[in-house]
Amino acid sequence: MKLYLVAFVLLALDPIGKLDRVAKQNALKKEAKVAFMNEDYKTAIEKYSYLHDSLNVRDDNILLNLATAQYKVADSASALSNYQKLTSSAHKNVQSIAYQQLGVMNNTPQKQQEALDYFKKALKADPTNEAARYNYELLKKLMKEQENQQDQQNKDDKNKDQQDKKEQEKQEQEKDEKEPQQKDQQEQEKGDKQDQKQKDQQQKDQQQKDQEQSQEQQDADEKKDKEQKESQAEQEQSEGKKDEKEEIPPSTYKKLQEMKISPEKAKMILEAMKNQEVQYIQQNKKKARTRAKNDKPDW
């Protein structure tokens, strides 16, 4: 009877099902923790999500582990959302870890100052958070070095700009000094080219003139030779006619004119007559020699 009474009292204090839920929650917490420690983050996320969302367990440590598991599997959006929720936790150590993780996730070249502020808030929430302190000091030192490097780079750039400006001014000055010289040189070269062109033209004109004069002289010489030859021919012809007149007696020449026979034709006739006369004489000589041999009279 005492046993039944105890059981009845327990059931009255703890309604049926409540003990089962607690036992289930504890089992899931244990399973999730084991999975998290074994770096089985997907399983851990399933267990922690079921505890938080389905069983409505409001435990900051569960939410913190869930956010960290999500961060490990690169589910950045879910992790950031859960870390942001934990920044209002009543537990300073949880709040500090949440700020620290937000600083880690925002530690990019574009968000270094935002990350540094998160690390600073983590230290403010829990000054004993050495991880947050280390990250804060390291990032602050890195940012200082980058600032110094940037200042040096700006200084170098400024010096380079000044040096480039001086070099440009020097080049412009040298250019201004060289331009008149170059202009004079170009004008001189242009003048020399014009002079050379003029000399070449003059030489060409002189050559052409010399050729024309030479051709004129040649033509004149040829004309003179031709005139001399024609004059000589006329003179010879005239002398020939004169000789012909001298060979023909004046009386005969007069008769030839009356008969309208030219001296040339008359000369030809005379030559023919002379030839006949010569032939006749030669024939007679042959006959005389023949008679001498026979010693006989022709009759």
Protein backbone atom coordinates (compact mmCIF):
# COMPACT_ATOMS: atom_id res chain seq x y z
CA MET A 1 0.00 0.00 0.00
CA LYS A 2 2.86 2.33 0.71
CA LEU A 3 4.30 1.72 -2.76
CA TYR A 4 1.09 2.59 -4.51
CA LEU A 5 0.77 5.69 -2.37
CA VAL A 6 4.26 6.89 -3.36
CA ALA A 7 3.53 6.28 -6.99
CA PHE A 8 0.28 8.17 -6.74
CA VAL A 9 2.04 11.10 -5.11
CA LEU A 10 4.72 11.17 -7.86
CA LEU A 11 2.10 11.13 -10.57
CA ALA A 12 0.27 13.96 -8.87
CA LEU A 13 3.40 16.06 -8.60
CA ASP A 14 4.62 15.21 -12.12
CA PRO A 15 1.86 14.66 -14.60
CA ILE A 16 2.20 11.87 -17.12
CA GLY A 17 4.43 12.90 -20.08
CA LYS A 18 6.44 15.60 -18.36
CA LEU A 19 9.04 13.16 -17.17
CA ASP A 20 9.22 11.70 -20.63
CA ARG A 21 9.88 15.14 -22.17
CA VAL A 22 12.63 15.89 -19.67
CA ALA A 23 14.20 12.52 -20.27
CA LYS A 24 13.98 13.07 -24.02
CA GLN A 25 15.48 16.57 -23.74
CA ASN A 26 18.38 15.28 -21.69
CA ALA A 27 18.96 12.46 -24.14
CA LEU A 28 18.93 14.88 -27.08
CA LYS A 29 21.28 17.28 -25.26
CA LYS A 30 23.68 14.44 -24.65
CA GLU A 31 23.48 13.22 -28.24
CA ALA A 32 23.92 16.74 -29.61
CA LYS A 33 26.90 17.38 -27.34
CA VAL A 34 28.57 14.12 -28.37
CA ALA A 35 28.03 14.94 -32.06
CA PHE A 36 29.37 18.48 -31.53
CA MET A 37 32.49 17.22 -29.70
CA ASN A 38 33.08 14.68 -32.49
CA GLU A 39 32.79 17.53 -35.05
CA ASP A 40 29.68 15.91 -36.51
CA TYR A 41 28.16 19.33 -36.89
CA LYS A 42 25.28 18.32 -39.14
CA THR A 43 23.99 15.86 -36.55
CA ALA A 44 24.57 18.42 -33.83
CA ILE A 45 22.56 20.98 -35.77
CA GLU A 46 19.66 18.52 -36.15
CA LYS A 47 19.61 17.72 -32.43
CA TYR A 48 20.00 21.32 -31.24
CA SER A 49 17.41 22.58 -33.75
CA TYR A 50 14.90 19.97 -32.58
CA LEU A 51 15.49 20.98 -28.96
CA HIS A 52 15.16 24.69 -29.68
CA ASP A 53 12.45 24.73 -32.32
CA SER A 54 10.34 21.62 -31.71
CA LEU A 55 10.70 21.08 -27.96
CA ASN A 56 10.90 24.84 -27.34
CA VAL A 57 13.88 24.49 -25.02
CA ARG A 58 15.10 27.99 -24.16
CA ASP A 59 18.67 27.41 -23.16
CA ASP A 60 21.35 29.92 -24.21
CA ASN A 61 24.00 27.18 -24.26
CA ILE A 62 21.91 25.14 -26.72
CA LEU A 63 21.46 28.20 -28.98
CA LEU A 64 25.17 29.04 -28.68
CA ASN A 65 26.21 25.52 -29.67
CA LEU A 66 23.67 25.57 -32.51
CA ALA A 67 25.08 28.87 -33.85
CA THR A 68 28.66 27.57 -33.59
CA ALA A 69 27.75 24.33 -35.42
CA GLN A 70 26.08 26.39 -38.16
CA TYR A 71 29.22 28.55 -38.40
CA LYS A 72 31.33 25.38 -38.77
CA VAL A 73 29.27 24.14 -41.74
CA ALA A 74 29.41 27.62 -43.36
CA ASP A 75 25.75 28.42 -42.74
CA SER A 76 26.78 32.01 -42.05
CA ALA A 77 23.32 33.56 -42.24
CA SER A 78 21.83 31.25 -39.59
CA ALA A 79 24.91 31.54 -37.41
CA LEU A 80 24.90 35.36 -37.52
CA SER A 81 21.19 35.44 -36.68
CA ASN A 82 21.60 33.19 -33.63
CA TYR A 83 24.74 35.00 -32.41
CA GLN A 84 22.85 38.30 -32.63
CA LYS A 85 20.07 36.84 -30.45
CA LEU A 86 22.64 35.76 -27.86
CA THR A 87 24.11 39.32 -27.52
CA SER A 88 21.09 40.09 -25.31
CA SER A 89 21.63 37.00 -23.14
CA ALA A 90 21.46 37.45 -19.39
CA HIS A 91 24.60 35.40 -19.07
CA LYS A 92 27.63 37.65 -19.58
CA ASN A 93 29.92 34.81 -20.63
CA VAL A 94 27.44 33.71 -23.34
CA GLN A 95 27.00 37.33 -24.41
CA SER A 96 30.79 37.74 -24.60
CA ILE A 97 31.23 34.59 -26.72
CA ALA A 98 28.46 35.76 -29.06
CA TYR A 99 30.19 39.12 -29.58
CA GLN A 100 33.51 37.37 -30.07
CA GLN A 101 32.07 35.11 -32.78
CA LEU A 102 30.45 38.07 -34.51
CA GLY A 103 33.86 39.73 -34.53
CA VAL A 104 35.45 36.64 -36.09
CA MET A 105 32.78 36.42 -38.80
CA ASN A 106 33.09 40.12 -39.66
CA ASN A 107 36.88 40.16 -39.71
CA THR A 108 37.30 41.03 -43.39
CA PRO A 109 39.31 43.84 -45.01
CA GLN A 110 36.10 45.78 -45.56
CA LYS A 111 34.74 45.26 -42.00
CA GLN A 112 37.82 45.33 -39.76
CA GLN A 113 36.57 48.24 -37.67
CA GLU A 114 33.21 46.50 -37.13
CA ALA A 115 35.01 43.30 -36.08
CA LEU A 116 37.23 45.28 -33.69
CA ASP A 117 34.12 46.80 -32.09
CA TYR A 118 32.62 43.31 -31.57
CA PHE A 119 35.81 42.10 -29.88
CA LYS A 120 35.77 45.17 -27.67
CA LYS A 121 32.14 44.46 -26.65
CA ALA A 122 33.09 40.85 -25.91
CA LEU A 123 35.80 42.05 -23.50
CA LYS A 124 33.43 44.52 -21.93
CA ALA A 125 30.87 41.77 -21.34
CA ASP A 126 33.50 39.40 -19.95
CA PRO A 127 36.99 40.80 -19.30
CA THR A 128 38.24 37.23 -18.67
CA ASN A 129 37.53 36.21 -22.29
CA GLU A 130 41.16 35.71 -23.37
CA ALA A 131 40.23 34.63 -26.89
CA ALA A 132 38.39 37.89 -27.42
CA ARG A 133 41.32 39.83 -25.93
CA TYR A 134 43.84 38.08 -28.19
CA ASN A 135 41.72 38.75 -31.29
CA TYR A 136 41.21 42.36 -30.25
CA GLU A 137 44.92 43.04 -29.72
CA LEU A 138 45.94 41.20 -32.88
CA LEU A 139 43.41 42.98 -35.07
CA LYS A 140 44.22 46.34 -33.51
CA LYS A 141 47.93 45.80 -34.20
CA LEU A 142 47.21 44.67 -37.76
CA MET A 143 45.03 47.70 -38.41
CA LYS A 144 47.74 49.98 -37.00
CA GLU A 145 50.34 48.42 -39.27
CA GLN A 146 48.01 48.78 -42.22
CA GLU A 147 47.40 52.40 -41.28
CA ASN A 148 51.13 53.01 -41.08
CA GLN A 149 51.62 51.26 -44.40
CA GLN A 150 48.84 53.32 -45.90
CA ASP A 151 50.36 56.51 -44.49
CA GLN A 152 53.73 55.49 -45.91
CA GLN A 153 52.12 54.61 -49.20
CA ASN A 154 50.34 57.95 -49.26
CA LYS A 155 53.61 59.65 -48.44
CA ASP A 156 55.41 57.71 -51.15
CA ASP A 157 52.65 58.49 -53.60
CA LYS A 158 52.82 62.14 -52.66
CA ASN A 159 56.61 62.16 -53.07
CA LYS A 160 56.24 60.33 -56.35
CA ASP A 161 53.63 62.81 -57.51
CA GLN A 162 55.95 65.67 -56.55
CA GLN A 163 58.86 63.96 -58.25
CA ASP A 164 56.77 63.28 -61.34
CA LYS A 165 55.63 66.90 -61.32
CA LYS A 166 59.23 68.12 -61.06
CA GLU A 167 60.26 65.72 -63.80
CA GLN A 168 57.39 66.90 -65.95
CA GLU A 169 58.29 70.53 -65.34
CA LYS A 170 61.91 69.73 -66.19
CA GLN A 171 60.86 67.99 -69.39
CA GLU A 172 58.59 70.89 -70.30
CA GLN A 173 61.42 73.33 -69.63
CA GLU A 174 63.80 71.29 -71.74
CA LYS A 175 61.14 71.07 -74.39
CA ASP A 176 60.66 74.84 -74.31
CA GLU A 177 64.43 75.26 -74.64
CA LYS A 178 64.71 72.72 -77.41
CA GLU A 179 61.74 73.94 -79.42
CA PRO A 180 63.48 77.12 -80.71
CA GLN A 181 66.59 75.09 -81.53
CA GLN A 182 64.54 72.43 -83.23
CA LYS A 183 62.58 75.10 -85.05
CA ASP A 184 65.81 76.79 -86.21
CA GLN A 185 67.21 73.43 -87.22
CA GLN A 186 64.05 72.58 -89.10
CA GLU A 187 64.09 75.96 -90.82
CA GLN A 188 67.77 75.46 -91.65
CA GLU A 189 67.08 72.00 -93.02
CA LYS A 190 64.13 73.38 -94.94
CA GLY A 191 66.32 76.18 -96.34
CA ASP A 192 69.06 73.70 -97.23
CA LYS A 193 66.53 71.51 -98.99
CA GLN A 194 65.19 74.49 -100.91
CA ASP A 195 68.73 75.58 -101.82
CA GLN A 196 69.60 72.07 -102.92
CA LYS A 197 66.39 71.86 -104.88
CA GLN A 198 67.16 75.19 -106.52
CA LYS A 199 70.71 74.07 -107.32
CA ASP A 200 69.42 70.83 -108.75
CA GLN A 201 66.92 72.76 -110.87
CA GLN A 202 69.60 75.17 -112.03
CA GLN A 203 71.89 72.28 -112.88
CA LYS A 204 69.06 70.57 -114.71
CA ASP A 205 68.24 73.79 -116.59
CA GLN A 206 71.92 74.29 -117.44
CA GLN A 207 72.20 70.73 -118.71
CA GLN A 208 69.10 71.20 -120.79
CA LYS A 209 70.45 74.51 -122.07
CA ASP A 210 73.80 72.93 -122.89
CA GLN A 211 72.04 70.11 -124.69
CA GLU A 212 69.95 72.60 -126.65
CA GLN A 213 73.06 74.65 -127.50
CA SER A 214 74.92 71.50 -128.47
CA GLN A 215 72.01 70.42 -130.64
CA GLU A 216 71.83 73.90 -132.19
CA GLN A 217 75.57 73.83 -132.85
CA GLN A 218 75.29 70.37 -134.35
CA ASP A 219 72.39 71.47 -136.51
CA ALA A 220 74.33 74.57 -137.56
CA ASP A 221 77.42 72.47 -138.38
CA GLU A 222 75.32 70.02 -140.35
CA LYS A 223 73.63 72.87 -142.16
CA LYS A 224 76.99 74.46 -142.89
CA ASP A 225 78.38 71.17 -144.15
CA LYS A 226 75.33 70.68 -146.30
CA GLU A 227 75.60 74.20 -147.66
CA GLN A 228 79.31 73.69 -148.34
CA LYS A 229 78.60 70.41 -150.09
CA GLU A 230 75.82 71.98 -152.10
CA SER A 231 78.04 74.95 -152.94
CA GLN A 232 80.88 72.62 -153.91
CA ALA A 233 78.53 70.56 -156.02
CA GLU A 234 77.20 73.68 -157.72
CA GLN A 235 80.74 74.88 -158.26
CA GLU A 236 81.78 71.55 -159.70
CA GLN A 237 78.71 71.52 -161.89
CA SER A 238 79.42 75.05 -162.98
CA GLU A 239 83.02 74.20 -163.71
CA GLY A 240 81.87 71.11 -165.59
CA LYS A 241 79.60 73.19 -167.73
CA LYS A 242 82.42 75.66 -168.26
CA ASP A 243 84.75 72.87 -169.36
CA GLU A 244 82.12 71.59 -171.66
CA LYS A 245 81.81 75.01 -173.18
CA GLU A 246 85.55 75.21 -173.51
CA GLU A 247 85.76 71.78 -175.27
CA ILE A 248 83.08 72.78 -177.77
CA PRO A 249 84.14 75.48 -180.21
CA PRO A 250 82.14 78.67 -179.99
CA SER A 251 80.78 78.30 -183.50
CA THR A 252 79.72 74.74 -182.80
CA TYR A 253 78.28 75.70 -179.46
CA LYS A 254 76.28 78.40 -181.15
CA LYS A 255 74.98 75.94 -183.70
CA LEU A 256 74.05 73.55 -180.94
CA GLN A 257 72.03 76.25 -179.27
CA GLU A 258 70.28 76.95 -182.56
CA MET A 259 69.58 73.22 -182.91
CA LYS A 260 68.37 73.18 -179.29
CA ILE A 261 70.85 70.47 -178.33
CA SER A 262 72.17 70.68 -174.79
CA PRO A 263 75.94 70.64 -174.22
CA GLU A 264 75.62 67.38 -172.37
CA LYS A 265 73.91 65.72 -175.28
CA ALA A 266 76.35 67.25 -177.71
CA LYS A 267 79.18 65.94 -175.58
CA MET A 268 77.67 62.49 -175.68
CA ILE A 269 77.41 62.67 -179.45
CA LEU A 270 81.00 63.81 -179.74
CA GLU A 271 82.16 61.00 -177.47
CA ALA A 272 80.31 58.50 -179.60
CA MET A 273 81.87 59.96 -182.74
CA LYS A 274 85.31 59.83 -181.19
CA ASN A 275 84.80 56.22 -180.25
CA GLN A 276 83.74 55.38 -183.80
CA GLU A 277 86.73 57.25 -185.14
CA VAL A 278 89.06 55.36 -182.82
CA GLN A 279 87.55 52.06 -183.90
CA TYR A 280 87.90 53.01 -187.53
CA ILE A 281 91.54 53.91 -187.12
CA GLN A 282 92.29 50.69 -185.31
CA GLN A 283 90.62 48.66 -188.05
CA ASN A 284 92.68 50.39 -190.68
CA LYS A 285 95.89 49.63 -188.83
CA LYS A 286 95.01 45.95 -188.72
CA LYS A 287 94.40 45.91 -192.49
CA ALA A 288 97.75 47.55 -193.15
CA ARG A 289 99.61 44.91 -191.13
CA THR A 290 97.82 42.15 -192.97
CA ARG A 291 98.91 43.48 -196.35
CA ALA A 292 102.53 43.66 -195.31
CA LYS A 293 102.59 40.02 -194.47
CA ASN A 294 101.14 38.85 -197.82
CA ASP A 295 103.52 41.06 -199.84
CA LYS A 296 100.85 41.09 -202.46
CA PRO A 297 98.96 43.96 -203.79
CA ASP A 298 95.34 44.19 -203.05
CA TRP A 299 94.47 44.36 -206.64
